[in-house]
Each structure stands twice: as C-alpha cells, then as structure tokens.
C-alpha cells in the first residue's frame, strides 16, 4: 500500500512572511501569474512545489 502525504498549501500571508514582502505584493504576484496559485473558496493558496520553483527561479535573477 502506498502512503498518502498531504501537501500543505501556503496562504499569501505565509508567503509574505517567508519572502519578506507585503501581503498586497503577494496578491499582485498571484494575479499577474508570477506565482501560480489556486483559489479555494475565494482564498489564494500556493502549492509547496510552486513555492520551491519560484524560489529556485528567483535566485537565478
């Protein structure tokens, strides 16, 4: 049997704290599709692998 691991999606508040940005800036990044997120009940959430991708690509800039 395969183990099921639940990935925890991050909120814009959590990303703002992690990236030292304002929540408004994170929302703008989501709307511009710089960071790929999904809306769950009108609230943005970002998958951990997307956070890693953004941080990896951001480090190359």
Protein backbone atom coordinates (compact mmCIF):
# COMPACT_ATOMS: atom_id res chain seq x y z
CA UNK A 1 0.00 0.00 0.00
CA UNK A 2 1.27 3.49 -0.88
CA UNK A 3 1.47 6.15 1.80
CA UNK A 4 -0.55 9.27 1.13
CA UNK A 5 1.22 12.50 2.01
CA UNK A 6 -0.78 15.67 2.30
CA UNK A 7 1.00 18.69 0.91
CA UNK A 8 0.16 21.80 2.82
CA UNK A 9 -0.71 24.72 0.58
CA UNK A 10 0.53 28.12 1.74
CA UNK A 11 -1.53 31.26 2.10
CA UNK A 12 -0.47 34.72 0.85
CA UNK A 13 0.11 35.72 4.49
CA UNK A 14 2.57 32.85 4.95
CA UNK A 15 4.33 33.65 1.68
CA UNK A 16 4.60 37.33 2.57
CA UNK A 17 6.33 36.44 5.84
CA UNK A 18 8.57 33.88 4.15
CA UNK A 19 9.62 36.24 1.34
CA UNK A 20 9.68 39.43 3.45
CA UNK A 21 7.01 41.08 1.29
CA UNK A 22 3.65 42.64 1.95
CA UNK A 23 0.52 40.53 1.53
CA UNK A 24 -0.58 43.00 -1.15
CA UNK A 25 2.60 42.31 -3.13
CA UNK A 26 1.99 38.56 -2.97
CA UNK A 27 -1.61 39.05 -4.15
CA UNK A 28 -0.32 41.11 -7.09
CA UNK A 29 2.16 38.37 -7.98
CA UNK A 30 -0.65 35.82 -7.93
CA UNK A 31 -2.90 37.98 -10.13
CA UNK A 32 -0.05 38.54 -12.61
CA UNK A 33 0.61 34.77 -12.57
CA UNK A 34 4.23 35.24 -11.47
CA UNK A 35 3.43 32.71 -8.77
CA UNK A 36 0.93 30.04 -9.74
CA UNK A 37 -1.81 29.61 -7.17
CA UNK A 38 -5.32 28.32 -6.91
CA UNK A 39 -8.35 29.83 -5.29
CA UNK A 40 -10.20 27.77 -2.72
CA UNK A 41 -13.39 29.46 -1.55
CA UNK A 42 -12.10 32.83 -2.81
CA UNK A 43 -8.79 32.49 -0.96
CA UNK A 44 -5.46 32.05 -2.70
CA UNK A 45 -3.32 29.01 -1.91
CA UNK A 46 0.05 28.05 -3.35
CA UNK A 47 1.40 24.51 -3.55
CA UNK A 48 4.77 23.79 -1.89
CA UNK A 49 6.32 22.71 -5.20
CA UNK A 50 5.32 26.05 -6.74
CA UNK A 51 6.94 27.90 -3.83
CA UNK A 52 10.13 25.90 -4.41
CA UNK A 53 10.02 26.61 -8.16
CA UNK A 54 9.56 30.33 -7.61
CA UNK A 55 12.37 30.49 -5.06
CA UNK A 56 14.69 28.50 -7.33
CA UNK A 57 13.99 30.69 -10.35
CA UNK A 58 14.08 33.88 -8.29
CA UNK A 59 17.57 33.01 -7.10
CA UNK A 60 18.77 32.95 -10.71
CA UNK A 61 17.60 36.52 -11.41
